[in-house]
Amino acid sequence: MADTRVGWQEIVTPDDLEGHMLDIGQVKANAALIDQMLAGLRAGTRIYVPGAGTGQIFDYMKSKWSSFDYIFSDLRLDFLDRIARRMPAKVKFRLAIDDVEDSTASFTCDIALVVLVLEHVEWKKALREILKTRPREMMIVIQRNHEVGTRVVAKRKLRPSIAEFAKVATAELVEATDLIGEMKKLGFQPTWQAEREVPDSKAMQAIRFTRVTAKL
């Protein structure tokens, strides 16, 4: 995953990332799935968002997401700056530069919201790092390809920095069955699942997990 890390740290620009996510229809699909997962949570719930990117997804969410307390982390300061500019004044949030594969996080949370992150890291290691924050629930969105293959980036005309990223990236999909199996090992059971179709013969899969045993 070293090349993927370099791609995210040095190649992908915020503008191209946001444009790309709109081009491929994933940001709106993910927003709809997250709206469903967040429904019914009490105000003030502390939500940790590792690998948060630019926070673009919040532009398209319809739930009362602004009533929660957020901790956004990412490797990129310029991505976090975009989140800070996006958040309405009433939203409680903090930002942290952090590595999801080698976290220095010292906080705890109620829920970890992990959206299209596991495909770009050593995902089993990342899950264990995220769980150091002691969430009672994990809300995870992954990508599923209808066609055979595990490559994340589609064969389409890409924005410049995304095209450069695709030349070096080794990101791979995580199968839902593998994710569920690993989460069970970590003391979590799936309690809700849904998916949304997006272009390029893909779907966004959302799985909500609840802690049943304290294994970490």
N, C-alpha and C. Protein backbone atom coordinates (compact mmCIF):
# COMPACT_ATOMS: atom_id res chain seq x y z
N MET A 1 0.80 -1.22 0.00
CA MET A 1 0.00 0.00 0.00
C MET A 1 0.84 1.28 0.00
N ALA A 2 2.16 1.13 -0.09
CA ALA A 2 3.03 2.32 -0.01
C ALA A 2 2.74 3.31 -1.14
N ASP A 3 2.53 2.78 -2.35
CA ASP A 3 2.26 3.67 -3.48
C ASP A 3 0.94 4.41 -3.28
N THR A 4 -0.03 3.73 -2.73
CA THR A 4 -1.32 4.36 -2.47
C THR A 4 -1.17 5.50 -1.47
N ARG A 5 -0.37 5.26 -0.44
CA ARG A 5 -0.13 6.31 0.56
C ARG A 5 0.51 7.55 -0.09
N VAL A 6 1.52 7.32 -0.94
CA VAL A 6 2.16 8.43 -1.64
C VAL A 6 1.15 9.17 -2.51
N GLY A 7 0.28 8.40 -3.18
CA GLY A 7 -0.73 9.01 -4.02
C GLY A 7 -1.64 9.94 -3.26
N TRP A 8 -2.08 9.49 -2.10
CA TRP A 8 -2.98 10.33 -1.31
C TRP A 8 -2.25 11.52 -0.69
N GLN A 9 -1.02 11.32 -0.29
CA GLN A 9 -0.30 12.41 0.37
C GLN A 9 0.23 13.46 -0.60
N GLU A 10 0.62 13.03 -1.82
CA GLU A 10 1.37 13.93 -2.69
C GLU A 10 0.74 14.22 -4.05
N ILE A 11 -0.23 13.40 -4.47
CA ILE A 11 -0.70 13.53 -5.84
C ILE A 11 -2.12 14.09 -5.94
N VAL A 12 -3.06 13.49 -5.27
CA VAL A 12 -4.47 13.87 -5.42
C VAL A 12 -4.71 15.27 -4.86
N THR A 13 -5.34 16.13 -5.66
CA THR A 13 -5.68 17.47 -5.20
C THR A 13 -7.11 17.49 -4.67
N PRO A 14 -7.41 18.41 -3.74
CA PRO A 14 -8.77 18.48 -3.20
C PRO A 14 -9.83 18.72 -4.28
N ASP A 15 -9.54 19.62 -5.22
CA ASP A 15 -10.52 19.92 -6.26
C ASP A 15 -10.79 18.70 -7.14
N ASP A 16 -9.73 18.00 -7.53
CA ASP A 16 -9.91 16.82 -8.38
C ASP A 16 -10.64 15.71 -7.62
N LEU A 17 -10.34 15.56 -6.36
CA LEU A 17 -11.01 14.53 -5.58
C LEU A 17 -12.52 14.79 -5.52
N GLU A 18 -12.88 16.02 -5.23
CA GLU A 18 -14.30 16.34 -5.13
C GLU A 18 -14.99 16.23 -6.48
N GLY A 19 -14.33 16.68 -7.53
CA GLY A 19 -14.90 16.54 -8.86
C GLY A 19 -15.08 15.09 -9.26
N HIS A 20 -14.09 14.29 -8.94
CA HIS A 20 -14.13 12.86 -9.28
C HIS A 20 -15.28 12.16 -8.55
N MET A 21 -15.45 12.45 -7.27
CA MET A 21 -16.50 11.80 -6.52
C MET A 21 -17.88 12.17 -7.04
N LEU A 22 -18.02 13.38 -7.57
CA LEU A 22 -19.27 13.76 -8.22
C LEU A 22 -19.42 13.06 -9.56
N ASP A 23 -18.33 13.00 -10.33
CA ASP A 23 -18.36 12.35 -11.64
C ASP A 23 -18.86 10.91 -11.54
N ILE A 24 -18.39 10.19 -10.53
CA ILE A 24 -18.71 8.77 -10.43
C ILE A 24 -19.93 8.49 -9.55
N GLY A 25 -20.57 9.54 -9.07
CA GLY A 25 -21.83 9.39 -8.35
C GLY A 25 -21.74 8.84 -6.95
N GLN A 26 -20.52 8.74 -6.42
CA GLN A 26 -20.38 8.08 -5.13
C GLN A 26 -20.68 8.99 -3.94
N VAL A 27 -20.40 10.27 -4.07
CA VAL A 27 -20.58 11.13 -2.91
C VAL A 27 -22.06 11.22 -2.51
N LYS A 28 -22.95 11.32 -3.49
CA LYS A 28 -24.38 11.42 -3.17
C LYS A 28 -24.92 10.08 -2.67
N ALA A 29 -24.45 8.99 -3.26
CA ALA A 29 -24.88 7.67 -2.80
C ALA A 29 -24.44 7.43 -1.35
N ASN A 30 -23.21 7.79 -1.05
CA ASN A 30 -22.71 7.60 0.31
C ASN A 30 -23.43 8.49 1.31
N ALA A 31 -23.74 9.71 0.89
CA ALA A 31 -24.48 10.62 1.78
C ALA A 31 -25.83 10.02 2.14
N ALA A 32 -26.51 9.44 1.16
CA ALA A 32 -27.81 8.83 1.43
C ALA A 32 -27.69 7.64 2.40
N LEU A 33 -26.65 6.83 2.22
CA LEU A 33 -26.44 5.69 3.12
C LEU A 33 -26.12 6.14 4.53
N ILE A 34 -25.29 7.16 4.64
CA ILE A 34 -24.92 7.66 5.97
C ILE A 34 -26.11 8.29 6.66
N ASP A 35 -26.96 9.00 5.89
CA ASP A 35 -28.19 9.54 6.47
C ASP A 35 -28.98 8.43 7.16
N GLN A 36 -29.08 7.29 6.49
CA GLN A 36 -29.83 6.17 7.05
C GLN A 36 -29.17 5.64 8.32
N MET A 37 -27.84 5.55 8.32
CA MET A 37 -27.15 5.01 9.48
C MET A 37 -27.21 5.95 10.69
N LEU A 38 -27.20 7.24 10.44
CA LEU A 38 -27.20 8.21 11.54
C LEU A 38 -28.59 8.48 12.09
N ALA A 39 -29.62 8.06 11.37
CA ALA A 39 -30.99 8.33 11.80
C ALA A 39 -31.24 7.77 13.19
N GLY A 40 -31.84 8.58 14.05
CA GLY A 40 -32.21 8.13 15.38
C GLY A 40 -31.15 8.32 16.45
N LEU A 41 -29.96 8.76 16.08
CA LEU A 41 -28.93 8.99 17.09
C LEU A 41 -29.27 10.24 17.91
N ARG A 42 -28.90 10.21 19.16
CA ARG A 42 -29.17 11.36 20.03
C ARG A 42 -28.22 12.51 19.71
N ALA A 43 -28.68 13.71 19.93
CA ALA A 43 -27.82 14.89 19.76
C ALA A 43 -26.63 14.78 20.69
N GLY A 44 -25.49 15.21 20.21
CA GLY A 44 -24.27 15.17 21.01
C GLY A 44 -23.49 13.88 20.88
N THR A 45 -24.00 12.91 20.10
CA THR A 45 -23.25 11.68 19.86
C THR A 45 -21.88 12.03 19.27
N ARG A 46 -20.83 11.45 19.82
CA ARG A 46 -19.48 11.74 19.34
C ARG A 46 -19.10 10.77 18.22
N ILE A 47 -18.87 11.34 17.05
CA ILE A 47 -18.59 10.54 15.85
C ILE A 47 -17.17 10.82 15.37
N TYR A 48 -16.39 9.76 15.27
CA TYR A 48 -15.02 9.84 14.77
C TYR A 48 -15.02 9.45 13.29
N VAL A 49 -14.42 10.32 12.47
CA VAL A 49 -14.38 10.09 11.02
C VAL A 49 -12.92 10.02 10.58
N PRO A 50 -12.30 8.84 10.60
CA PRO A 50 -10.91 8.73 10.15
C PRO A 50 -10.84 8.74 8.63
N GLY A 51 -9.74 9.27 8.09
CA GLY A 51 -9.63 9.37 6.64
C GLY A 51 -10.76 10.20 6.07
N ALA A 52 -11.02 11.32 6.71
CA ALA A 52 -12.23 12.11 6.43
C ALA A 52 -12.21 12.82 5.08
N GLY A 53 -11.02 12.99 4.50
CA GLY A 53 -10.95 13.70 3.22
C GLY A 53 -11.34 15.16 3.37
N THR A 54 -12.10 15.67 2.41
CA THR A 54 -12.47 17.09 2.40
C THR A 54 -13.82 17.36 3.04
N GLY A 55 -14.53 16.31 3.47
CA GLY A 55 -15.85 16.50 4.06
C GLY A 55 -16.93 16.80 3.06
N GLN A 56 -16.66 16.57 1.79
CA GLN A 56 -17.61 16.87 0.72
C GLN A 56 -18.97 16.21 0.95
N ILE A 57 -18.95 15.04 1.53
CA ILE A 57 -20.18 14.28 1.70
C ILE A 57 -21.24 15.03 2.50
N PHE A 58 -20.80 15.92 3.40
CA PHE A 58 -21.75 16.63 4.24
C PHE A 58 -22.57 17.65 3.45
N ASP A 59 -22.11 18.01 2.26
CA ASP A 59 -22.89 18.91 1.41
C ASP A 59 -24.17 18.25 0.92
N TYR A 60 -24.24 16.93 0.97
CA TYR A 60 -25.35 16.20 0.35
C TYR A 60 -26.17 15.39 1.36
N MET A 61 -25.86 15.51 2.62
CA MET A 61 -26.61 14.78 3.63
C MET A 61 -27.85 15.56 4.06
N LYS A 62 -28.90 14.83 4.37
CA LYS A 62 -30.18 15.44 4.71
C LYS A 62 -30.57 15.23 6.17
N SER A 63 -29.89 14.36 6.87
CA SER A 63 -30.24 14.09 8.26
C SER A 63 -29.79 15.25 9.15
N LYS A 64 -30.12 15.14 10.41
CA LYS A 64 -29.72 16.18 11.36
C LYS A 64 -28.28 15.94 11.82
N TRP A 65 -27.39 15.82 10.84
CA TRP A 65 -26.00 15.49 11.14
C TRP A 65 -25.30 16.59 11.93
N SER A 66 -25.83 17.81 11.83
CA SER A 66 -25.16 18.93 12.50
C SER A 66 -25.36 18.93 14.01
N SER A 67 -26.17 18.01 14.53
CA SER A 67 -26.40 17.97 15.98
C SER A 67 -25.39 17.09 16.71
N PHE A 68 -24.49 16.46 15.96
CA PHE A 68 -23.52 15.56 16.57
C PHE A 68 -22.17 16.25 16.76
N ASP A 69 -21.32 15.66 17.60
CA ASP A 69 -19.96 16.16 17.81
C ASP A 69 -19.01 15.30 16.98
N TYR A 70 -18.14 15.94 16.22
CA TYR A 70 -17.28 15.20 15.28
C TYR A 70 -15.80 15.34 15.61
N ILE A 71 -15.08 14.28 15.32
CA ILE A 71 -13.62 14.32 15.29
C ILE A 71 -13.22 13.84 13.89
N PHE A 72 -12.67 14.74 13.09
CA PHE A 72 -12.24 14.41 11.73
C PHE A 72 -10.73 14.25 11.71
N SER A 73 -10.26 13.15 11.13
CA SER A 73 -8.81 12.99 10.99
C SER A 73 -8.46 12.66 9.55
N ASP A 74 -7.26 13.05 9.16
CA ASP A 74 -6.75 12.74 7.83
C ASP A 74 -5.24 13.00 7.86
N LEU A 75 -4.56 12.49 6.84
CA LEU A 75 -3.13 12.75 6.68
C LEU A 75 -2.87 14.13 6.10
N ARG A 76 -3.88 14.70 5.46
CA ARG A 76 -3.70 15.93 4.68
C ARG A 76 -4.29 17.15 5.38
N LEU A 77 -3.43 18.13 5.66
CA LEU A 77 -3.91 19.37 6.27
C LEU A 77 -4.84 20.13 5.34
N ASP A 78 -4.56 20.12 4.02
CA ASP A 78 -5.42 20.86 3.10
C ASP A 78 -6.80 20.23 3.00
N PHE A 79 -6.90 18.91 3.17
CA PHE A 79 -8.22 18.27 3.22
C PHE A 79 -8.97 18.73 4.48
N LEU A 80 -8.28 18.72 5.61
CA LEU A 80 -8.91 19.12 6.87
C LEU A 80 -9.32 20.59 6.83
N ASP A 81 -8.55 21.42 6.17
CA ASP A 81 -8.92 22.83 6.03
C ASP A 81 -10.27 22.97 5.31
N ARG A 82 -10.50 22.13 4.33
CA ARG A 82 -11.78 22.17 3.61
C ARG A 82 -12.94 21.80 4.54
N ILE A 83 -12.71 20.81 5.38
CA ILE A 83 -13.74 20.45 6.34
C ILE A 83 -14.06 21.63 7.24
N ALA A 84 -13.02 22.29 7.74
CA ALA A 84 -13.23 23.43 8.64
C ALA A 84 -14.05 24.52 7.97
N ARG A 85 -13.81 24.76 6.68
CA ARG A 85 -14.56 25.78 5.95
C ARG A 85 -16.00 25.34 5.67
N ARG A 86 -16.22 24.04 5.59
CA ARG A 86 -17.55 23.51 5.28
C ARG A 86 -18.50 23.53 6.48
N MET A 87 -17.97 23.31 7.66
CA MET A 87 -18.82 23.10 8.81
C MET A 87 -19.57 24.37 9.22
N PRO A 88 -20.88 24.28 9.36
CA PRO A 88 -21.64 25.43 9.88
C PRO A 88 -21.16 25.81 11.27
N ALA A 89 -21.38 27.05 11.63
CA ALA A 89 -20.86 27.55 12.91
C ALA A 89 -21.40 26.77 14.11
N LYS A 90 -22.60 26.23 13.99
CA LYS A 90 -23.22 25.53 15.13
C LYS A 90 -22.66 24.13 15.35
N VAL A 91 -21.92 23.59 14.40
CA VAL A 91 -21.44 22.21 14.50
C VAL A 91 -20.21 22.14 15.39
N LYS A 92 -20.22 21.23 16.34
CA LYS A 92 -19.05 21.00 17.19
C LYS A 92 -18.13 20.00 16.51
N PHE A 93 -16.87 20.38 16.32
CA PHE A 93 -15.94 19.46 15.69
C PHE A 93 -14.51 19.81 16.08
N ARG A 94 -13.63 18.82 15.90
CA ARG A 94 -12.20 19.05 16.05
C ARG A 94 -11.51 18.32 14.91
N LEU A 95 -10.32 18.78 14.58
CA LEU A 95 -9.55 18.22 13.48
C LEU A 95 -8.26 17.62 14.02
N ALA A 96 -7.81 16.55 13.38
CA ALA A 96 -6.56 15.92 13.80
C ALA A 96 -5.84 15.35 12.60
N ILE A 97 -4.57 15.69 12.46
CA ILE A 97 -3.74 15.02 11.45
C ILE A 97 -3.33 13.69 12.05
N ASP A 98 -3.73 12.61 11.41
CA ASP A 98 -3.48 11.29 11.99
C ASP A 98 -3.42 10.25 10.88
N ASP A 99 -2.74 9.17 11.18
CA ASP A 99 -2.55 8.06 10.26
C ASP A 99 -3.42 6.90 10.71
N VAL A 100 -4.38 6.52 9.89
CA VAL A 100 -5.31 5.47 10.27
C VAL A 100 -4.63 4.12 10.45
N GLU A 101 -3.44 3.94 9.89
CA GLU A 101 -2.70 2.69 10.06
C GLU A 101 -1.71 2.74 11.23
N ASP A 102 -1.50 3.91 11.78
CA ASP A 102 -0.57 4.07 12.90
C ASP A 102 -1.03 5.27 13.72
N SER A 103 -2.17 5.13 14.34
CA SER A 103 -2.84 6.26 14.96
C SER A 103 -2.21 6.66 16.29
N THR A 104 -2.20 7.96 16.53
CA THR A 104 -1.78 8.49 17.82
C THR A 104 -2.97 9.06 18.58
N ALA A 105 -4.18 8.73 18.12
CA ALA A 105 -5.39 9.27 18.73
C ALA A 105 -5.47 8.89 20.21
N SER A 106 -5.79 9.87 21.05
CA SER A 106 -5.91 9.64 22.49
C SER A 106 -7.34 9.86 22.98
N PHE A 107 -8.26 10.07 22.07
CA PHE A 107 -9.66 10.33 22.42
C PHE A 107 -10.49 9.06 22.30
N THR A 108 -11.72 9.14 22.78
CA THR A 108 -12.69 8.06 22.59
C THR A 108 -13.90 8.62 21.85
N CYS A 109 -14.71 7.71 21.33
CA CYS A 109 -15.88 8.14 20.57
C CYS A 109 -17.02 7.17 20.81
N ASP A 110 -18.21 7.57 20.39
CA ASP A 110 -19.37 6.68 20.44
C ASP A 110 -19.45 5.83 19.17
N ILE A 111 -19.16 6.47 18.03
CA ILE A 111 -19.30 5.82 16.73
C ILE A 111 -18.11 6.18 15.86
N ALA A 112 -17.60 5.20 15.13
CA ALA A 112 -16.59 5.46 14.10
C ALA A 112 -17.26 5.32 12.74
N LEU A 113 -17.15 6.36 11.94
CA LEU A 113 -17.74 6.39 10.60
C LEU A 113 -16.61 6.32 9.59
N VAL A 114 -16.53 5.20 8.87
CA VAL A 114 -15.39 4.89 8.00
C VAL A 114 -15.89 4.74 6.57
N VAL A 115 -15.63 5.75 5.74
CA VAL A 115 -16.22 5.80 4.40
C VAL A 115 -15.13 5.69 3.33
N LEU A 116 -15.12 4.58 2.61
CA LEU A 116 -14.18 4.36 1.51
C LEU A 116 -12.73 4.61 1.93
N VAL A 117 -12.39 4.10 3.08
CA VAL A 117 -11.03 4.21 3.61
C VAL A 117 -10.31 2.87 3.53
N LEU A 118 -10.99 1.80 3.85
CA LEU A 118 -10.35 0.50 3.99
C LEU A 118 -9.72 0.01 2.69
N GLU A 119 -10.26 0.46 1.55
CA GLU A 119 -9.72 0.06 0.25
C GLU A 119 -8.31 0.59 0.01
N HIS A 120 -7.90 1.59 0.77
CA HIS A 120 -6.65 2.29 0.50
C HIS A 120 -5.57 2.05 1.56
N VAL A 121 -5.84 1.14 2.47
CA VAL A 121 -4.91 0.89 3.57
C VAL A 121 -4.81 -0.61 3.83
N GLU A 122 -3.94 -0.99 4.75
CA GLU A 122 -3.95 -2.35 5.25
C GLU A 122 -5.14 -2.45 6.20
N TRP A 123 -6.26 -2.92 5.67
CA TRP A 123 -7.54 -2.69 6.32
C TRP A 123 -7.70 -3.37 7.67
N LYS A 124 -7.14 -4.54 7.83
CA LYS A 124 -7.26 -5.21 9.13
C LYS A 124 -6.49 -4.45 10.21
N LYS A 125 -5.33 -3.95 9.83
CA LYS A 125 -4.55 -3.13 10.76
C LYS A 125 -5.28 -1.84 11.08
N ALA A 126 -5.86 -1.22 10.06
CA ALA A 126 -6.58 0.04 10.25
C ALA A 126 -7.78 -0.14 11.19
N LEU A 127 -8.50 -1.23 11.05
CA LEU A 127 -9.64 -1.48 11.94
C LEU A 127 -9.19 -1.51 13.39
N ARG A 128 -8.09 -2.16 13.65
CA ARG A 128 -7.60 -2.26 15.03
C ARG A 128 -7.15 -0.90 15.56
N GLU A 129 -6.58 -0.09 14.70
CA GLU A 129 -6.19 1.26 15.11
C GLU A 129 -7.42 2.11 15.42
N ILE A 130 -8.42 2.02 14.57
CA ILE A 130 -9.66 2.78 14.78
C ILE A 130 -10.33 2.36 16.09
N LEU A 131 -10.31 1.08 16.37
CA LEU A 131 -10.99 0.57 17.56
C LEU A 131 -10.30 0.96 18.86
N LYS A 132 -9.11 1.54 18.77
CA LYS A 132 -8.48 2.07 19.98
C LYS A 132 -9.29 3.22 20.58
N THR A 133 -10.15 3.82 19.76
CA THR A 133 -10.99 4.92 20.24
C THR A 133 -12.26 4.44 20.94
N ARG A 134 -12.43 3.12 21.04
CA ARG A 134 -13.48 2.48 21.82
C ARG A 134 -14.90 2.80 21.36
N PRO A 135 -15.19 2.79 20.08
CA PRO A 135 -16.57 3.04 19.64
C PRO A 135 -17.50 1.89 20.03
N ARG A 136 -18.73 2.22 20.30
CA ARG A 136 -19.72 1.16 20.54
C ARG A 136 -20.30 0.66 19.23
N GLU A 137 -20.17 1.50 18.18
CA GLU A 137 -20.63 1.11 16.86
C GLU A 137 -19.62 1.53 15.81
N MET A 138 -19.57 0.76 14.73
CA MET A 138 -18.77 1.11 13.55
C MET A 138 -19.72 1.18 12.36
N MET A 139 -19.68 2.28 11.64
CA MET A 139 -20.47 2.45 10.44
C MET A 139 -19.49 2.53 9.27
N ILE A 140 -19.53 1.54 8.40
CA ILE A 140 -18.51 1.39 7.37
C ILE A 140 -19.15 1.36 5.99
N VAL A 141 -18.57 2.11 5.07
CA VAL A 141 -19.00 2.09 3.67
C VAL A 141 -17.83 1.59 2.83
N ILE A 142 -18.11 0.56 2.02
CA ILE A 142 -17.11 0.00 1.12
C ILE A 142 -17.67 -0.03 -0.30
N GLN A 143 -16.80 -0.27 -1.25
CA GLN A 143 -17.20 -0.33 -2.66
C GLN A 143 -17.29 -1.77 -3.13
N ARG A 144 -18.34 -2.07 -3.91
CA ARG A 144 -18.46 -3.39 -4.52
C ARG A 144 -18.51 -3.24 -6.03
N ASN A 145 -17.72 -4.01 -6.74
CA ASN A 145 -17.74 -4.04 -8.19
C ASN A 145 -18.61 -5.19 -8.68
N HIS A 146 -19.49 -4.90 -9.62
CA HIS A 146 -20.29 -5.97 -10.21
C HIS A 146 -19.45 -6.83 -11.16
N GLU A 147 -18.48 -6.19 -11.81
CA GLU A 147 -17.60 -6.92 -12.72
C GLU A 147 -16.45 -7.55 -11.93
N VAL A 148 -15.87 -8.58 -12.49
CA VAL A 148 -14.76 -9.28 -11.83
C VAL A 148 -13.56 -8.35 -11.71
N GLY A 149 -12.91 -8.38 -10.57
CA GLY A 149 -11.72 -7.56 -10.36
C GLY A 149 -11.81 -6.78 -9.07
N THR A 150 -10.66 -6.41 -8.55
CA THR A 150 -10.64 -5.71 -7.27
C THR A 150 -10.09 -4.29 -7.37
N ARG A 151 -9.82 -3.83 -8.57
CA ARG A 151 -9.29 -2.47 -8.72
C ARG A 151 -10.37 -1.46 -8.38
N VAL A 152 -9.99 -0.40 -7.70
CA VAL A 152 -10.94 0.60 -7.24
C VAL A 152 -11.29 1.59 -8.35
N VAL A 153 -10.28 2.08 -9.08
CA VAL A 153 -10.49 3.14 -10.05
C VAL A 153 -11.03 2.59 -11.36
N ALA A 154 -12.09 3.19 -11.86
CA ALA A 154 -12.74 2.70 -13.08
C ALA A 154 -11.97 3.10 -14.32
N LYS A 155 -12.28 2.39 -15.41
CA LYS A 155 -11.70 2.73 -16.70
C LYS A 155 -12.55 3.83 -17.35
N ARG A 156 -12.29 5.05 -17.00
CA ARG A 156 -12.99 6.21 -17.56
C ARG A 156 -12.01 7.37 -17.61
N LYS A 157 -12.37 8.43 -18.31
CA LYS A 157 -11.51 9.60 -18.36
C LYS A 157 -11.51 10.23 -16.98
N LEU A 158 -10.32 10.40 -16.44
CA LEU A 158 -10.19 10.88 -15.07
C LEU A 158 -9.62 12.28 -15.01
N ARG A 159 -9.92 12.97 -13.95
CA ARG A 159 -9.33 14.28 -13.70
C ARG A 159 -7.82 14.10 -13.48
N PRO A 160 -7.03 15.14 -13.79
CA PRO A 160 -5.56 14.97 -13.89
C PRO A 160 -4.90 14.28 -12.71
N SER A 161 -5.12 14.76 -11.50
CA SER A 161 -4.41 14.15 -10.38
C SER A 161 -4.97 12.78 -10.03
N ILE A 162 -6.24 12.54 -10.34
CA ILE A 162 -6.81 11.20 -10.13
C ILE A 162 -6.19 10.22 -11.12
N ALA A 163 -5.97 10.68 -12.36
CA ALA A 163 -5.33 9.83 -13.36
C ALA A 163 -3.90 9.48 -12.94
N GLU A 164 -3.18 10.45 -12.38
CA GLU A 164 -1.83 10.18 -11.88
C GLU A 164 -1.87 9.20 -10.71
N PHE A 165 -2.84 9.38 -9.85
CA PHE A 165 -3.01 8.48 -8.72
C PHE A 165 -3.24 7.05 -9.21
N ALA A 166 -4.07 6.91 -10.23
CA ALA A 166 -4.41 5.58 -10.74
C ALA A 166 -3.20 4.85 -11.31
N LYS A 167 -2.17 5.61 -11.72
CA LYS A 167 -0.96 4.98 -12.26
C LYS A 167 -0.13 4.31 -11.18
N VAL A 168 -0.24 4.80 -9.95
CA VAL A 168 0.61 4.27 -8.88
C VAL A 168 -0.17 3.52 -7.80
N ALA A 169 -1.48 3.73 -7.74
CA ALA A 169 -2.27 3.19 -6.64
C ALA A 169 -2.38 1.68 -6.70
N THR A 170 -2.34 1.05 -5.55
CA THR A 170 -2.55 -0.39 -5.46
C THR A 170 -3.76 -0.69 -4.57
N ALA A 171 -4.65 0.29 -4.47
CA ALA A 171 -5.85 0.12 -3.64
C ALA A 171 -6.67 -1.06 -4.12
N GLU A 172 -7.21 -1.82 -3.18
CA GLU A 172 -8.01 -2.99 -3.52
C GLU A 172 -9.28 -3.02 -2.69
N LEU A 173 -10.32 -3.59 -3.28
CA LEU A 173 -11.60 -3.67 -2.60
C LEU A 173 -11.56 -4.65 -1.44
N VAL A 174 -12.43 -4.40 -0.48
CA VAL A 174 -12.62 -5.29 0.66
C VAL A 174 -13.99 -5.93 0.49
N GLU A 175 -14.02 -7.26 0.48
CA GLU A 175 -15.29 -7.97 0.34
C GLU A 175 -16.10 -7.86 1.64
N ALA A 176 -17.40 -7.68 1.49
CA ALA A 176 -18.27 -7.54 2.67
C ALA A 176 -18.18 -8.76 3.58
N THR A 177 -18.12 -9.95 2.99
CA THR A 177 -18.03 -11.16 3.82
C THR A 177 -16.74 -11.19 4.64
N ASP A 178 -15.65 -10.73 4.04
CA ASP A 178 -14.37 -10.68 4.76
C ASP A 178 -14.44 -9.65 5.88
N LEU A 179 -15.04 -8.49 5.59
CA LEU A 179 -15.16 -7.44 6.59
C LEU A 179 -16.01 -7.91 7.77
N ILE A 180 -17.13 -8.51 7.48
CA ILE A 180 -18.01 -9.00 8.55
C ILE A 180 -17.29 -10.05 9.40
N GLY A 181 -16.58 -10.95 8.74
CA GLY A 181 -15.83 -11.97 9.47
C GLY A 181 -14.79 -11.37 10.39
N GLU A 182 -14.07 -10.37 9.90
CA GLU A 182 -13.03 -9.74 10.72
C GLU A 182 -13.65 -8.96 11.87
N MET A 183 -14.75 -8.26 11.62
CA MET A 183 -15.40 -7.50 12.69
C MET A 183 -15.94 -8.42 13.77
N LYS A 184 -16.41 -9.59 13.40
CA LYS A 184 -16.86 -10.55 14.41
C LYS A 184 -15.71 -10.97 15.31
N LYS A 185 -14.53 -11.15 14.72
CA LYS A 185 -13.35 -11.48 15.51
C LYS A 185 -13.03 -10.38 16.51
N LEU A 186 -13.36 -9.15 16.14
CA LEU A 186 -13.06 -7.99 16.98
C LEU A 186 -14.19 -7.67 17.96
N GLY A 187 -15.21 -8.51 17.98
CA GLY A 187 -16.29 -8.33 18.96
C GLY A 187 -17.47 -7.52 18.48
N PHE A 188 -17.65 -7.40 17.15
CA PHE A 188 -18.76 -6.63 16.60
C PHE A 188 -19.63 -7.50 15.70
N GLN A 189 -20.94 -7.25 15.77
CA GLN A 189 -21.88 -7.96 14.90
C GLN A 189 -22.55 -6.96 13.95
N PRO A 190 -22.79 -7.37 12.70
CA PRO A 190 -23.51 -6.48 11.78
C PRO A 190 -24.97 -6.39 12.19
N THR A 191 -25.51 -5.18 12.25
CA THR A 191 -26.90 -4.98 12.66
C THR A 191 -27.75 -4.34 11.57
N TRP A 192 -27.12 -3.88 10.51
CA TRP A 192 -27.86 -3.22 9.42
C TRP A 192 -26.98 -3.18 8.19
N GLN A 193 -27.58 -3.42 7.02
CA GLN A 193 -26.83 -3.36 5.76
C GLN A 193 -27.71 -2.76 4.67
N ALA A 194 -27.10 -2.02 3.78
CA ALA A 194 -27.81 -1.49 2.62
C ALA A 194 -26.78 -1.15 1.55
N GLU A 195 -27.24 -0.96 0.32
CA GLU A 195 -26.32 -0.54 -0.72
C GLU A 195 -27.03 0.35 -1.74
N ARG A 196 -26.24 1.12 -2.44
CA ARG A 196 -26.73 2.01 -3.49
C ARG A 196 -25.91 1.80 -4.75
N GLU A 197 -26.60 1.68 -5.88
CA GLU A 197 -25.91 1.54 -7.15
C GLU A 197 -25.31 2.87 -7.57
N VAL A 198 -24.14 2.81 -8.20
CA VAL A 198 -23.47 3.99 -8.75
C VAL A 198 -22.97 3.63 -10.15
N PRO A 199 -22.51 4.62 -10.93
CA PRO A 199 -22.02 4.31 -12.28
C PRO A 199 -20.83 3.35 -12.30
N ASP A 200 -20.48 2.90 -13.50
CA ASP A 200 -19.32 2.04 -13.73
C ASP A 200 -19.49 0.64 -13.14
N SER A 201 -20.74 0.16 -13.10
CA SER A 201 -21.04 -1.19 -12.60
C SER A 201 -20.53 -1.40 -11.18
N LYS A 202 -20.79 -0.43 -10.32
CA LYS A 202 -20.34 -0.50 -8.93
C LYS A 202 -21.53 -0.23 -8.00
N ALA A 203 -21.33 -0.55 -6.74
CA ALA A 203 -22.30 -0.23 -5.71
C ALA A 203 -21.57 0.17 -4.44
N MET A 204 -22.19 1.06 -3.68
CA MET A 204 -21.69 1.43 -2.37
C MET A 204 -22.42 0.58 -1.34
N GLN A 205 -21.66 -0.12 -0.49
CA GLN A 205 -22.23 -0.98 0.53
C GLN A 205 -21.99 -0.37 1.91
N ALA A 206 -23.06 -0.22 2.67
CA ALA A 206 -22.96 0.31 4.03
C ALA A 206 -23.31 -0.80 5.02
N ILE A 207 -22.48 -0.94 6.04
CA ILE A 207 -22.72 -1.95 7.07
C ILE A 207 -22.54 -1.28 8.44
N ARG A 208 -23.52 -1.45 9.28
CA ARG A 208 -23.46 -0.92 10.64
C ARG A 208 -23.18 -2.07 11.60
N PHE A 209 -22.16 -1.90 12.40
CA PHE A 209 -21.75 -2.93 13.35
C PHE A 209 -21.94 -2.43 14.78
N THR A 210 -22.34 -3.32 15.66
CA THR A 210 -22.51 -2.99 17.08
C THR A 210 -21.61 -3.88 17.91
N ARG A 211 -20.95 -3.29 18.89
CA ARG A 211 -20.05 -4.04 19.77
C ARG A 211 -20.86 -4.99 20.65
N VAL A 212 -20.45 -6.22 20.68
CA VAL A 212 -21.11 -7.21 21.54
C VAL A 212 -20.16 -7.76 22.61
N THR A 213 -18.86 -7.68 22.37
CA THR A 213 -17.88 -8.10 23.36
C THR A 213 -16.70 -7.14 23.34
N ALA A 214 -16.05 -6.98 24.47
CA ALA A 214 -14.89 -6.09 24.56
C ALA A 214 -13.62 -6.89 24.33
N LYS A 215 -13.26 -7.07 23.07
CA LYS A 215 -12.09 -7.89 22.75
C LYS A 215 -10.82 -7.07 22.61
N LEU A 216 -10.93 -5.76 22.56
CA LEU A 216 -9.73 -4.93 22.44
C LEU A 216 -9.59 -4.05 23.66
